[in-house]
Amino acid sequence: MSSVGKINEIRDYFTDNYSYTNIKHNNTLLNNVSSKLTDIISEIKLKSETNKNNETTRKESALAELDTVLEMNPIEEDVENDFVKAITDLGLLADACNNIAHDCKEYDVRNSIFRLKNIIISSMKREIDKNRKDIDIVDGFKTDGRLEDKRGTYVVDIPGIGQLSWHLEGYVPEAVRNDFNKEYPYEIEKGDFRNHDLLLMRIRSNQLEKIPHNYLVANSQIGDENEIREVLETYYSATRVVDENKNEIICEKIGKKTNLSKANIDNLTKVLRVSKEKVYNYRERYIQEENIEREKYGNK
């Protein structure tokens, strides 16, 4: 069978067997797709095969991403995955496809892999929409002027990972195409890093601090996933403050967010470079005021 035929077979296998239950409770689907894609990489002609630099190639990144999926989903164990982990697994698969396609020399093979990538992204987006009441993962579309067809870019903030984005080249599934009007609310902030750097956690903490949006998303803790949207809104509203007392105003803004975890408060003070002590003084004041209000109206 040709490489295109094998890729189409993987795409059909993923489409026919995909369900959130299969990702959350059964690792076979993701393991099989990862293994089959790894085999494909050894068969197709790649630009990076002639790479003479010491830089990590797209092929190497794709193989590392596929290995990570296999490591996170051992075949011999029936591990029940949480939602964010399932979305991360789909992100690893989608980005591995993206790296393989961009590295591929053959036009037909390249397009077939892009189609598979977009179907995986469509599945990710569908699960995010369906599970938003439980975990509100920030996602949406941005127009990218570099793309002639203007279909744009899908962007998603995965808690514990960072902000990922992919151009939607080639065939775009209807489920995604019909939702292009849902705009991602922030700018794309990649710096010098690619998706695989975030997914494979190749970025050191001091490097992440240079991309504050990603720092806030990547450093969110388990249990705080639903706070990310408010953390980002607080960060961007603080960056818009123009006043001689800017630092004091920002400290008060953060301090008012008494519902945020202390970890997220600390992250905000770090990227906005304001006094943690002042923020916690404001926080304590607002907590006391809230307690007084509750007692006043009998909501103890």
Protein backbone atom coordinates (compact mmCIF):
# COMPACT_ATOMS: atom_id res chain seq x y z
CA MET A 1 0.00 0.00 0.00
CA SER A 2 1.25 3.53 -0.79
CA SER A 3 2.11 6.01 1.97
CA VAL A 4 -0.99 8.06 1.08
CA GLY A 5 -3.13 4.93 1.35
CA LYS A 6 -1.67 4.12 4.78
CA ILE A 7 -2.26 7.67 6.03
CA ASN A 8 -5.84 7.58 4.77
CA GLU A 9 -6.25 4.25 6.55
CA ILE A 10 -5.04 5.85 9.81
CA ARG A 11 -7.47 8.74 9.25
CA ASP A 12 -10.39 6.35 8.70
CA TYR A 13 -9.37 4.28 11.72
CA PHE A 14 -9.24 7.41 13.92
CA THR A 15 -12.57 8.73 12.59
CA ASP A 16 -14.38 5.39 12.93
CA ASN A 17 -13.11 4.62 16.44
CA TYR A 18 -12.90 8.09 17.95
CA SER A 19 -14.97 8.89 20.99
CA TYR A 20 -14.14 10.71 24.19
CA THR A 21 -14.79 7.47 26.07
CA ASN A 22 -12.16 5.72 23.95
CA ILE A 23 -9.63 8.40 24.83
CA LYS A 24 -10.54 8.71 28.49
CA HIS A 25 -10.95 5.05 29.37
CA ASN A 26 -9.17 3.10 26.64
CA ASN A 27 -5.66 3.83 25.40
CA THR A 28 -5.72 1.54 22.36
CA LEU A 29 -6.86 4.21 19.86
CA LEU A 30 -4.13 6.73 20.69
CA ASN A 31 -1.46 4.06 20.95
CA ASN A 32 -2.34 2.59 17.55
CA VAL A 33 -2.41 5.98 15.82
CA SER A 34 0.94 6.92 17.40
CA SER A 35 2.53 3.62 16.37
CA LYS A 36 1.20 3.79 12.81
CA LEU A 37 2.42 7.40 12.39
CA THR A 38 5.85 6.41 13.69
CA ASP A 39 6.01 3.71 11.00
CA ILE A 40 4.95 6.22 8.33
CA ILE A 41 7.84 8.55 9.28
CA SER A 42 10.34 5.79 8.46
CA GLU A 43 8.82 5.35 4.98
CA ILE A 44 8.33 8.84 3.58
CA LYS A 45 10.89 11.28 2.15
CA LEU A 46 11.65 14.11 4.56
CA LYS A 47 13.51 17.38 4.10
CA SER A 48 15.23 16.95 7.47
CA GLU A 49 17.05 13.83 6.27
CA THR A 50 19.50 16.17 4.53
CA ASN A 51 19.71 18.57 7.51
CA LYS A 52 23.34 19.20 8.46
CA ASN A 53 22.69 21.45 11.47
CA ASN A 54 22.67 20.33 15.08
CA GLU A 55 19.20 21.81 15.62
CA THR A 56 16.31 19.52 16.55
CA THR A 57 14.46 18.69 13.31
CA ARG A 58 10.71 18.50 12.82
CA LYS A 59 11.08 14.74 12.33
CA GLU A 60 12.82 14.38 15.71
CA SER A 61 10.16 16.53 17.39
CA ALA A 62 7.35 14.49 15.81
CA LEU A 63 8.93 11.21 16.97
CA ALA A 64 9.35 12.63 20.49
CA GLU A 65 5.69 13.72 20.55
CA LEU A 66 4.48 10.31 19.39
CA ASP A 67 6.72 8.60 21.98
CA THR A 68 5.24 10.88 24.66
CA VAL A 69 1.71 9.79 23.72
CA LEU A 70 2.79 6.15 24.07
CA GLU A 71 4.49 6.83 27.40
CA MET A 72 1.45 8.68 28.74
CA ASN A 73 -0.86 5.91 27.55
CA PRO A 74 0.88 2.58 28.22
CA ILE A 75 -0.86 -0.22 26.32
CA GLU A 76 -0.58 -2.66 29.21
CA GLU A 77 -2.42 -0.35 31.61
CA ASP A 78 -6.02 0.81 31.52
CA VAL A 79 -5.41 4.28 32.89
CA GLU A 80 -8.41 6.58 33.27
CA ASN A 81 -7.28 9.89 31.81
CA ASP A 82 -8.57 13.23 33.00
CA PHE A 83 -9.98 15.72 30.52
CA VAL A 84 -6.95 18.01 30.28
CA LYS A 85 -4.68 15.02 29.71
CA ALA A 86 -6.96 13.78 26.91
CA ILE A 87 -6.79 17.22 25.24
CA THR A 88 -3.00 17.21 25.67
CA ASP A 89 -2.78 13.79 23.99
CA LEU A 90 -4.79 15.09 21.03
CA GLY A 91 -2.52 18.14 20.90
CA LEU A 92 0.56 15.91 20.78
CA LEU A 93 -0.93 13.87 17.91
CA ALA A 94 -2.04 16.95 15.98
CA ASP A 95 1.34 18.63 16.35
CA ALA A 96 3.22 15.46 15.39
CA CYS A 97 1.16 15.38 12.18
CA ASN A 98 1.90 19.06 11.63
CA ASN A 99 5.65 18.51 12.00
CA ILE A 100 5.63 15.47 9.70
CA ALA A 101 3.60 17.28 7.02
CA HIS A 102 5.84 20.36 7.03
CA ASP A 103 8.90 18.12 6.78
CA CYS A 104 7.48 15.99 3.96
CA LYS A 105 8.83 16.29 0.41
CA GLU A 106 5.90 14.62 -1.36
CA TYR A 107 2.88 16.83 -2.05
CA ASP A 108 0.19 14.12 -1.85
CA VAL A 109 1.60 12.62 1.35
CA ARG A 110 1.90 16.08 2.88
CA ASN A 111 -1.76 16.91 2.14
CA SER A 112 -2.99 13.56 3.50
CA ILE A 113 -1.18 14.19 6.80
CA PHE A 114 -2.58 17.73 7.01
CA ARG A 115 -6.09 16.26 6.60
CA LEU A 116 -5.43 13.89 9.49
CA LYS A 117 -4.08 16.77 11.60
CA ASN A 118 -7.21 18.84 10.98
CA ILE A 119 -9.52 15.94 11.87
CA ILE A 120 -7.64 15.49 15.18
CA ILE A 121 -7.96 19.25 15.86
CA SER A 122 -11.68 19.02 15.05
CA SER A 123 -12.05 16.24 17.64
CA MET A 124 -10.16 18.31 20.21
CA LYS A 125 -12.34 21.34 19.59
CA ARG A 126 -15.53 19.28 19.81
CA GLU A 127 -14.54 17.87 23.22
CA ILE A 128 -13.59 21.32 24.52
CA ASP A 129 -17.02 22.65 23.49
CA LYS A 130 -18.86 19.67 25.02
CA ASN A 131 -16.99 19.80 28.34
CA ARG A 132 -16.85 23.57 28.81
CA LYS A 133 -19.21 23.49 31.81
CA ASP A 134 -16.74 21.31 33.69
CA ILE A 135 -13.44 22.74 32.46
CA ASP A 136 -13.47 25.99 30.49
CA ILE A 137 -10.48 25.68 28.17
CA VAL A 138 -9.91 28.91 26.22
CA ASP A 139 -9.86 28.36 22.44
CA GLY A 140 -10.95 29.91 19.15
CA PHE A 141 -9.74 31.17 15.77
CA LYS A 142 -7.48 34.00 14.65
CA THR A 143 -7.10 35.29 11.10
CA ASP A 144 -3.56 34.90 9.82
CA GLY A 145 -2.80 37.22 6.90
CA ARG A 146 0.00 34.93 5.75
CA LEU A 147 -2.57 32.35 4.59
CA GLU A 148 -4.00 33.11 1.17
CA ASP A 149 -7.31 31.34 1.87
CA LYS A 150 -7.79 33.35 5.10
CA ARG A 151 -9.06 30.28 6.96
CA GLY A 152 -6.82 31.31 9.79
CA THR A 153 -5.44 29.59 12.83
CA TYR A 154 -6.90 27.47 15.62
CA VAL A 155 -5.59 28.53 19.05
CA VAL A 156 -6.04 26.73 22.38
CA ASP A 157 -4.70 27.35 25.90
CA ILE A 158 -4.10 23.92 27.45
CA PRO A 159 -3.68 24.14 31.25
CA GLY A 160 -0.21 23.03 32.34
CA ILE A 161 1.09 23.22 28.74
CA GLY A 162 0.61 26.69 27.24
CA GLN A 163 -0.89 28.39 24.20
CA LEU A 164 -0.86 26.15 21.10
CA SER A 165 -1.80 27.25 17.58
CA TRP A 166 -2.04 25.58 14.20
CA HIS A 167 -2.71 26.88 10.69
CA LEU A 168 -5.59 25.00 9.11
CA GLU A 169 -4.04 24.11 5.77
CA GLY A 170 -5.84 21.97 3.23
CA TYR A 171 -9.05 20.10 4.03
CA VAL A 172 -10.88 21.52 7.03
CA PRO A 173 -13.60 19.36 8.65
CA GLU A 174 -17.07 20.90 8.62
CA ALA A 175 -17.26 20.87 12.42
CA VAL A 176 -14.34 23.29 12.49
CA ARG A 177 -15.22 25.27 9.36
CA ASN A 178 -18.68 26.10 10.70
CA ASP A 179 -17.22 27.68 13.83
CA PHE A 180 -14.68 30.08 12.31
CA ASN A 181 -16.68 32.97 13.75
CA LYS A 182 -15.61 32.03 17.29
CA GLU A 183 -12.67 34.36 17.74
CA TYR A 184 -9.81 33.56 20.08
CA PRO A 185 -9.81 36.52 22.53
CA TYR A 186 -6.05 37.13 22.79
CA GLU A 187 -3.03 37.49 20.53
CA ILE A 188 -0.87 34.54 19.52
CA GLU A 189 2.23 34.63 21.74
CA LYS A 190 4.89 32.17 20.62
CA GLY A 191 8.10 34.09 20.91
CA ASP A 192 10.92 31.93 19.55
CA PHE A 193 9.17 28.70 20.56
CA ARG A 194 7.06 26.18 18.66
CA ASN A 195 4.16 24.03 19.81
CA HIS A 196 6.42 21.03 20.34
CA ASP A 197 8.66 23.04 22.71
CA LEU A 198 5.63 23.56 24.96
CA LEU A 199 4.15 20.09 24.55
CA LEU A 200 7.47 18.39 25.26
CA MET A 201 8.24 20.87 28.07
CA ARG A 202 11.54 21.89 26.51
CA ILE A 203 11.24 25.48 27.74
CA ARG A 204 12.91 26.40 31.01
CA SER A 205 11.00 28.50 33.54
CA ASN A 206 13.20 31.57 33.00
CA GLN A 207 12.49 31.33 29.25
CA LEU A 208 8.75 31.04 29.87
CA GLU A 209 8.82 34.29 31.84
CA LYS A 210 9.59 36.08 28.56
CA ILE A 211 6.22 34.90 27.19
CA PRO A 212 3.88 35.79 30.09
CA HIS A 213 0.65 34.49 28.54
CA ASN A 214 2.24 31.06 28.13
CA TYR A 215 3.78 31.28 31.60
CA LEU A 216 0.36 31.80 33.19
CA VAL A 217 -1.22 28.92 31.26
CA ALA A 218 1.71 26.52 31.64
CA ASN A 219 1.99 27.13 35.39
CA SER A 220 -1.68 26.60 36.17
CA GLN A 221 -2.08 23.77 38.66
CA ILE A 222 -4.37 20.75 38.73
CA GLY A 223 -7.70 21.88 40.13
CA ASP A 224 -7.24 25.47 38.95
CA GLU A 225 -8.00 24.88 35.26
CA ASN A 226 -11.22 26.89 35.37
CA GLU A 227 -9.34 29.94 36.62
CA ILE A 228 -7.22 30.41 33.50
CA ARG A 229 -9.69 32.64 31.64
CA GLU A 230 -9.96 34.99 34.64
CA VAL A 231 -6.19 34.92 35.18
CA LEU A 232 -5.61 35.95 31.56
CA GLU A 233 -8.29 38.66 31.71
CA THR A 234 -6.65 40.03 34.88
CA TYR A 235 -3.23 40.00 33.23
CA TYR A 236 -4.35 41.82 30.07
CA SER A 237 -6.43 44.39 31.96
CA ALA A 238 -3.37 45.13 34.11
CA THR A 239 -1.13 45.64 31.07
CA ARG A 240 -3.57 48.30 29.82
CA VAL A 241 -3.23 50.44 32.95
CA VAL A 242 -1.71 53.85 32.15
CA ASP A 243 -1.25 55.83 35.36
CA GLU A 244 1.58 57.17 37.48
CA ASN A 245 0.37 54.83 40.24
CA LYS A 246 0.30 51.90 37.84
CA ASN A 247 1.93 49.35 40.16
CA GLU A 248 -0.40 50.18 43.04
CA ILE A 249 -3.46 49.92 40.78
CA ILE A 250 -2.28 46.55 39.44
CA CYS A 251 -1.69 45.23 42.96
CA GLU A 252 -5.25 46.20 43.89
CA LYS A 253 -6.65 44.63 40.69
CA ILE A 254 -5.00 41.32 41.50
CA GLY A 255 -5.89 41.57 45.20
CA LYS A 256 -9.58 41.90 44.32
CA LYS A 257 -9.49 38.45 42.70
CA THR A 258 -10.10 36.70 46.01
CA ASN A 259 -11.49 33.63 44.22
CA LEU A 260 -8.18 32.88 42.49
CA SER A 261 -5.80 30.31 43.98
CA LYS A 262 -2.67 31.58 45.69
CA ALA A 263 -0.58 29.84 43.00
CA ASN A 264 -2.29 31.89 40.28
CA ILE A 265 -1.96 35.07 42.37
CA ASP A 266 1.78 34.39 42.68
CA ASN A 267 2.05 33.77 38.92
CA LEU A 268 0.35 37.09 38.17
CA THR A 269 2.62 39.04 40.52
CA LYS A 270 5.63 37.42 38.88
CA VAL A 271 4.80 38.20 35.24
CA LEU A 272 3.47 41.68 36.07
CA ARG A 273 6.46 42.35 38.36
CA VAL A 274 4.56 43.86 41.24
CA SER A 275 4.85 43.47 45.00
CA LYS A 276 3.44 40.17 46.22
CA GLU A 277 3.19 41.64 49.74
CA LYS A 278 1.02 44.54 48.54
CA VAL A 279 -1.20 42.20 46.53
CA TYR A 280 -1.81 39.99 49.56
CA ASN A 281 -2.53 43.04 51.72
CA TYR A 282 -5.25 44.08 49.27
CA ARG A 283 -6.47 40.48 49.05
CA GLU A 284 -6.80 40.22 52.83
CA ARG A 285 -8.69 43.52 52.95
CA TYR A 286 -11.19 42.39 50.29
CA ILE A 287 -11.65 38.98 51.93
CA GLN A 288 -12.51 40.73 55.20
CA GLU A 289 -14.96 43.04 53.40
CA GLU A 290 -16.62 40.02 51.74
CA ASN A 291 -16.95 38.28 55.10
CA ILE A 292 -18.57 41.38 56.62
CA GLU A 293 -21.04 41.52 53.71
CA ARG A 294 -21.94 37.85 54.12
CA GLU A 295 -22.51 38.27 57.85
CA LYS A 296 -24.56 41.40 57.23
CA TYR A 297 -26.97 39.57 54.95
CA GLY A 298 -26.97 36.35 56.96
CA ASN A 299 -25.03 34.27 54.40
CA LYS A 300 -22.53 32.78 56.79
